[in-house]
Amino acid sequence: MALDPAFVEDCPYGPGGLLIDDVLEIRPEDNLVVARMPTFDDLPLTREQRAHPVRHPRHVSGGLMVHMTGMVAFVHTYFVLGLRHADGWIGYGGRIYSAKFRALAKPGEPMRLECKATQLRQTPKSVFGRYAFRFFQGDTLVYEGDQSALWMKVTEDDPLPVEP
């Protein structure tokens, strides 16, 4: 399915940070979503690489892949859990239990980003989620991770705690 404009509008990042061009699959019964990320030479961080064809070929940055775990988790919370940024919900990464970079993802072929919630604890004002991520370029697994995030409902009367 093409991206829902309401989803894009609700995202806490603009299109240059969302970097997803399609939601390929939503399976609420399995707590699974799959999205597509285009890969091109002008991706953030990728465009800054001092590439060398042998020693350092141009590739999708590992740091950007970690960022994309948050974006595909946002797909999950929006489409499976029904949480809306516009309603005060915001998520922050909590812990990276594992991050395994299995292969270089080269600019060109899009990546398929899989996100499966393996654990969810929900209260009226928060959701703790633990997620398994698998990112593929073609048939090649390029990244897999096990991470957690905390989604909170924040209002003007109940703002996020900020340390001075």
C-alpha atoms as a PDB file:
ATOM      1  CA  MET A   1       0.000   0.000   0.000  1.00  0.00           C
ATOM      2  CA  ALA A   2       1.189   3.555  -0.626  1.00  0.00           C
ATOM      3  CA  LEU A   3       1.937   5.616   2.448  1.00  0.00           C
ATOM      4  CA  ASP A   4      -1.139   7.033   4.112  1.00  0.00           C
ATOM      5  CA  PRO A   5      -0.760  10.863   4.148  1.00  0.00           C
ATOM      6  CA  ALA A   6      -2.176  10.909   7.704  1.00  0.00           C
ATOM      7  CA  PHE A   7       0.628   8.549   8.782  1.00  0.00           C
ATOM      8  CA  VAL A   8       3.291  10.775   7.199  1.00  0.00           C
ATOM      9  CA  GLU A   9       1.739  13.858   8.821  1.00  0.00           C
ATOM     10  CA  ASP A  10       1.660  12.157  12.243  1.00  0.00           C
ATOM     11  CA  CYS A  11       5.294  11.038  12.164  1.00  0.00           C
ATOM     12  CA  PRO A  12       7.612  12.930  14.541  1.00  0.00           C
ATOM     13  CA  TYR A  13      10.147  13.108  11.653  1.00  0.00           C
ATOM     14  CA  GLY A  14       9.661  14.726   8.267  1.00  0.00           C
ATOM     15  CA  PRO A  15      10.076  12.686   5.067  1.00  0.00           C
ATOM     16  CA  GLY A  16      13.869  13.212   5.151  1.00  0.00           C
ATOM     17  CA  GLY A  17      13.961  11.393   8.513  1.00  0.00           C
ATOM     18  CA  LEU A  18      11.101   8.947   7.986  1.00  0.00           C
ATOM     19  CA  LEU A  19      12.812   7.428   4.917  1.00  0.00           C
ATOM     20  CA  ILE A  20      10.048   4.879   4.333  1.00  0.00           C
ATOM     21  CA  ASP A  21       8.239   4.973   1.016  1.00  0.00           C
ATOM     22  CA  ASP A  22       5.787   2.102   1.464  1.00  0.00           C
ATOM     23  CA  VAL A  23       4.199  -0.085   4.118  1.00  0.00           C
ATOM     24  CA  LEU A  24       4.265  -3.558   2.586  1.00  0.00           C
ATOM     25  CA  GLU A  25       2.549  -5.637   5.240  1.00  0.00           C
ATOM     26  CA  ILE A  26       0.605  -5.181   8.468  1.00  0.00           C
ATOM     27  CA  ARG A  27      -0.204  -8.325  10.472  1.00  0.00           C
ATOM     28  CA  PRO A  28      -1.695  -7.274  13.819  1.00  0.00           C
ATOM     29  CA  GLU A  29      -2.297 -10.896  14.814  1.00  0.00           C
ATOM     30  CA  ASP A  30       1.482 -11.452  14.660  1.00  0.00           C
ATOM     31  CA  ASN A  31       2.473  -7.961  15.914  1.00  0.00           C
ATOM     32  CA  LEU A  32       4.401  -7.620  12.639  1.00  0.00           C
ATOM     33  CA  VAL A  33       4.843  -4.811  10.138  1.00  0.00           C
ATOM     34  CA  VAL A  34       7.021  -4.664   7.037  1.00  0.00           C
ATOM     35  CA  ALA A  35       8.032  -1.410   5.344  1.00  0.00           C
ATOM     36  CA  ARG A  36      10.230  -0.466   2.420  1.00  0.00           C
ATOM     37  CA  MET A  37      13.146   1.943   2.597  1.00  0.00           C
ATOM     38  CA  PRO A  38      14.647   3.277  -0.619  1.00  0.00           C
ATOM     39  CA  THR A  39      18.433   3.336  -0.704  1.00  0.00           C
ATOM     40  CA  PHE A  40      20.227   6.019  -2.656  1.00  0.00           C
ATOM     41  CA  ASP A  41      23.568   7.818  -2.582  1.00  0.00           C
ATOM     42  CA  ASP A  42      22.093  10.928  -0.957  1.00  0.00           C
ATOM     43  CA  LEU A  43      20.798   9.226   2.222  1.00  0.00           C
ATOM     44  CA  PRO A  44      21.802  10.978   5.446  1.00  0.00           C
ATOM     45  CA  LEU A  45      25.320   9.874   6.480  1.00  0.00           C
ATOM     46  CA  THR A  46      25.692   7.850   3.270  1.00  0.00           C
ATOM     47  CA  ARG A  47      26.218  11.056   1.259  1.00  0.00           C
ATOM     48  CA  GLU A  48      29.062  12.026   3.615  1.00  0.00           C
ATOM     49  CA  GLN A  49      31.012   8.791   3.171  1.00  0.00           C
ATOM     50  CA  ARG A  50      34.484   9.023   1.717  1.00  0.00           C
ATOM     51  CA  ALA A  51      33.882   5.949  -0.332  1.00  0.00           C
ATOM     52  CA  HIS A  52      36.550   3.727  -1.825  1.00  0.00           C
ATOM     53  CA  PRO A  53      35.522   0.853  -4.115  1.00  0.00           C
ATOM     54  CA  VAL A  54      37.590  -1.725  -2.162  1.00  0.00           C
ATOM     55  CA  ARG A  55      38.345  -0.435   1.339  1.00  0.00           C
ATOM     56  CA  HIS A  56      35.118   1.481   2.063  1.00  0.00           C
ATOM     57  CA  PRO A  57      32.392   0.986  -0.556  1.00  0.00           C
ATOM     58  CA  ARG A  58      29.398   3.300  -0.409  1.00  0.00           C
ATOM     59  CA  HIS A  59      26.721   1.722   1.799  1.00  0.00           C
ATOM     60  CA  VAL A  60      23.731   2.502   3.989  1.00  0.00           C
ATOM     61  CA  SER A  61      25.207   3.659   7.277  1.00  0.00           C
ATOM     62  CA  GLY A  62      24.817   1.395  10.307  1.00  0.00           C
ATOM     63  CA  GLY A  63      23.800   4.425  12.355  1.00  0.00           C
ATOM     64  CA  LEU A  64      21.047   5.142   9.872  1.00  0.00           C
ATOM     65  CA  MET A  65      19.854   1.536  10.148  1.00  0.00           C
ATOM     66  CA  VAL A  66      19.562   1.931  13.918  1.00  0.00           C
ATOM     67  CA  HIS A  67      17.516   5.105  13.288  1.00  0.00           C
ATOM     68  CA  MET A  68      15.298   3.102  10.922  1.00  0.00           C
ATOM     69  CA  THR A  69      14.473   0.669  13.734  1.00  0.00           C
ATOM     70  CA  GLY A  70      12.690   3.594  15.385  1.00  0.00           C
ATOM     71  CA  MET A  71      10.889   4.511  12.180  1.00  0.00           C
ATOM     72  CA  VAL A  72       9.617   0.993  11.523  1.00  0.00           C
ATOM     73  CA  ALA A  73       8.634   0.683  15.207  1.00  0.00           C
ATOM     74  CA  PHE A  74       6.632   3.884  14.647  1.00  0.00           C
ATOM     75  CA  VAL A  75       4.883   2.072  11.768  1.00  0.00           C
ATOM     76  CA  HIS A  76       3.994  -0.682  14.268  1.00  0.00           C
ATOM     77  CA  THR A  77       2.660   1.658  16.936  1.00  0.00           C
ATOM     78  CA  TYR A  78       0.651   3.657  14.410  1.00  0.00           C
ATOM     79  CA  PHE A  79      -0.941   0.812  12.448  1.00  0.00           C
ATOM     80  CA  VAL A  80      -1.066  -2.021  15.016  1.00  0.00           C
ATOM     81  CA  LEU A  81      -1.419  -0.252  18.373  1.00  0.00           C
ATOM     82  CA  GLY A  82      -3.284   2.794  17.060  1.00  0.00           C
ATOM     83  CA  LEU A  83      -1.108   5.292  18.917  1.00  0.00           C
ATOM     84  CA  ARG A  84      -0.978   8.768  17.373  1.00  0.00           C
ATOM     85  CA  HIS A  85       1.730  11.374  17.822  1.00  0.00           C
ATOM     86  CA  ALA A  86      -0.986  14.013  17.314  1.00  0.00           C
ATOM     87  CA  ASP A  87      -2.763  12.607  20.386  1.00  0.00           C
ATOM     88  CA  GLY A  88       0.344  13.051  22.528  1.00  0.00           C
ATOM     89  CA  TRP A  89       2.066   9.678  22.037  1.00  0.00           C
ATOM     90  CA  ILE A  90       5.824   9.723  21.548  1.00  0.00           C
ATOM     91  CA  GLY A  91       8.383   6.950  21.683  1.00  0.00           C
ATOM     92  CA  TYR A  92      12.017   6.801  22.653  1.00  0.00           C
ATOM     93  CA  GLY A  93      14.459   3.976  22.238  1.00  0.00           C
ATOM     94  CA  GLY A  94      15.285   2.316  25.514  1.00  0.00           C
ATOM     95  CA  ARG A  95      17.894  -0.342  25.005  1.00  0.00           C
ATOM     96  CA  ILE A  96      19.707  -2.078  22.204  1.00  0.00           C
ATOM     97  CA  TYR A  97      20.126  -5.663  23.378  1.00  0.00           C
ATOM     98  CA  SER A  98      21.761  -6.666  20.124  1.00  0.00           C
ATOM     99  CA  ALA A  99      22.541  -5.070  16.781  1.00  0.00           C
ATOM    100  CA  LYS A 100      24.084  -7.318  14.168  1.00  0.00           C
ATOM    101  CA  PHE A 101      25.213  -5.961  10.834  1.00  0.00           C
ATOM    102  CA  ARG A 102      25.260  -9.031   8.601  1.00  0.00           C
ATOM    103  CA  ALA A 103      26.141  -7.454   5.231  1.00  0.00           C
ATOM    104  CA  LEU A 104      26.614  -4.064   3.607  1.00  0.00           C
ATOM    105  CA  ALA A 105      23.459  -2.599   2.087  1.00  0.00           C
ATOM    106  CA  LYS A 106      24.546  -0.781  -1.049  1.00  0.00           C
ATOM    107  CA  PRO A 107      22.624   2.139  -2.571  1.00  0.00           C
ATOM    108  CA  GLY A 108      20.226   1.023  -5.255  1.00  0.00           C
ATOM    109  CA  GLU A 109      17.866  -1.784  -4.306  1.00  0.00           C
ATOM    110  CA  PRO A 110      15.370  -0.846  -1.562  1.00  0.00           C
ATOM    111  CA  MET A 111      15.543  -2.525   1.826  1.00  0.00           C
ATOM    112  CA  ARG A 112      12.648  -4.452   3.372  1.00  0.00           C
ATOM    113  CA  LEU A 113      12.366  -3.584   7.065  1.00  0.00           C
ATOM    114  CA  GLU A 114      10.626  -6.112   9.306  1.00  0.00           C
ATOM    115  CA  CYS A 115       9.549  -5.195  12.832  1.00  0.00           C
ATOM    116  CA  LYS A 116       7.941  -7.688  15.186  1.00  0.00           C
ATOM    117  CA  ALA A 117       6.876  -6.737  18.688  1.00  0.00           C
ATOM    118  CA  THR A 118       7.996  -9.637  20.871  1.00  0.00           C
ATOM    119  CA  GLN A 119       6.800  -8.127  24.153  1.00  0.00           C
ATOM    120  CA  LEU A 120       4.258  -5.399  24.932  1.00  0.00           C
ATOM    121  CA  ARG A 121       3.217  -4.004  28.298  1.00  0.00           C
ATOM    122  CA  GLN A 122       0.527  -1.364  28.063  1.00  0.00           C
ATOM    123  CA  THR A 123      -1.013   1.087  30.518  1.00  0.00           C
ATOM    124  CA  PRO A 124      -3.290   4.026  29.678  1.00  0.00           C
ATOM    125  CA  LYS A 125      -0.269   6.378  29.484  1.00  0.00           C
ATOM    126  CA  SER A 126       2.603   4.156  28.365  1.00  0.00           C
ATOM    127  CA  VAL A 127       3.580   1.184  26.274  1.00  0.00           C
ATOM    128  CA  PHE A 128       6.816  -0.732  26.722  1.00  0.00           C
ATOM    129  CA  GLY A 129       7.740  -2.620  23.593  1.00  0.00           C
ATOM    130  CA  ARG A 130      10.506  -5.030  22.797  1.00  0.00           C
ATOM    131  CA  TYR A 131      11.123  -5.567  19.110  1.00  0.00           C
ATOM    132  CA  ALA A 132      12.901  -7.951  16.792  1.00  0.00           C
ATOM    133  CA  PHE A 133      14.119  -6.291  13.601  1.00  0.00           C
ATOM    134  CA  ARG A 134      15.297  -7.850  10.370  1.00  0.00           C
ATOM    135  CA  PHE A 135      16.312  -5.722   7.396  1.00  0.00           C
ATOM    136  CA  PHE A 136      16.826  -7.297   3.987  1.00  0.00           C
ATOM    137  CA  GLN A 137      18.167  -6.056   0.689  1.00  0.00           C
ATOM    138  CA  GLY A 138      16.855  -8.544  -1.823  1.00  0.00           C
ATOM    139  CA  ASP A 139      17.351 -11.940  -0.191  1.00  0.00           C
ATOM    140  CA  THR A 140      20.327 -10.753   1.851  1.00  0.00           C
ATOM    141  CA  LEU A 141      19.873 -10.148   5.573  1.00  0.00           C
ATOM    142  CA  VAL A 142      21.789  -6.927   6.250  1.00  0.00           C
ATOM    143  CA  TYR A 143      20.729  -6.125   9.835  1.00  0.00           C
ATOM    144  CA  GLU A 144      19.023  -7.789  12.739  1.00  0.00           C
ATOM    145  CA  GLY A 145      18.381  -6.329  16.124  1.00  0.00           C
ATOM    146  CA  ASP A 146      16.666  -6.809  19.464  1.00  0.00           C
ATOM    147  CA  GLN A 147      15.675  -3.499  21.003  1.00  0.00           C
ATOM    148  CA  SER A 148      13.175  -1.909  23.357  1.00  0.00           C
ATOM    149  CA  ALA A 149      11.353   1.397  23.408  1.00  0.00           C
ATOM    150  CA  LEU A 150       8.989   3.238  25.680  1.00  0.00           C
ATOM    151  CA  TRP A 151       5.975   5.014  24.215  1.00  0.00           C
ATOM    152  CA  MET A 152       4.404   7.639  26.470  1.00  0.00           C
ATOM    153  CA  LYS A 153       1.302   9.779  26.282  1.00  0.00           C
ATOM    154  CA  VAL A 154       2.383  13.334  26.945  1.00  0.00           C
ATOM    155  CA  THR A 155      -0.004  16.255  27.468  1.00  0.00           C
ATOM    156  CA  GLU A 156       0.375  19.911  28.400  1.00  0.00           C
ATOM    157  CA  ASP A 157      -0.772  18.968  31.920  1.00  0.00           C
ATOM    158  CA  ASP A 158       1.593  16.001  32.097  1.00  0.00           C
ATOM    159  CA  PRO A 159       4.777  16.872  30.141  1.00  0.00           C
ATOM    160  CA  LEU A 160       7.862  14.735  29.716  1.00  0.00           C
ATOM    161  CA  PRO A 161      10.225  15.011  32.662  1.00  0.00           C
ATOM    162  CA  VAL A 162      13.239  17.088  31.642  1.00  0.00           C
ATOM    163  CA  GLU A 163      16.363  17.278  33.735  1.00  0.00           C
ATOM    164  CA  PRO A 164      17.825  20.784  34.193  1.00  0.00           C
END
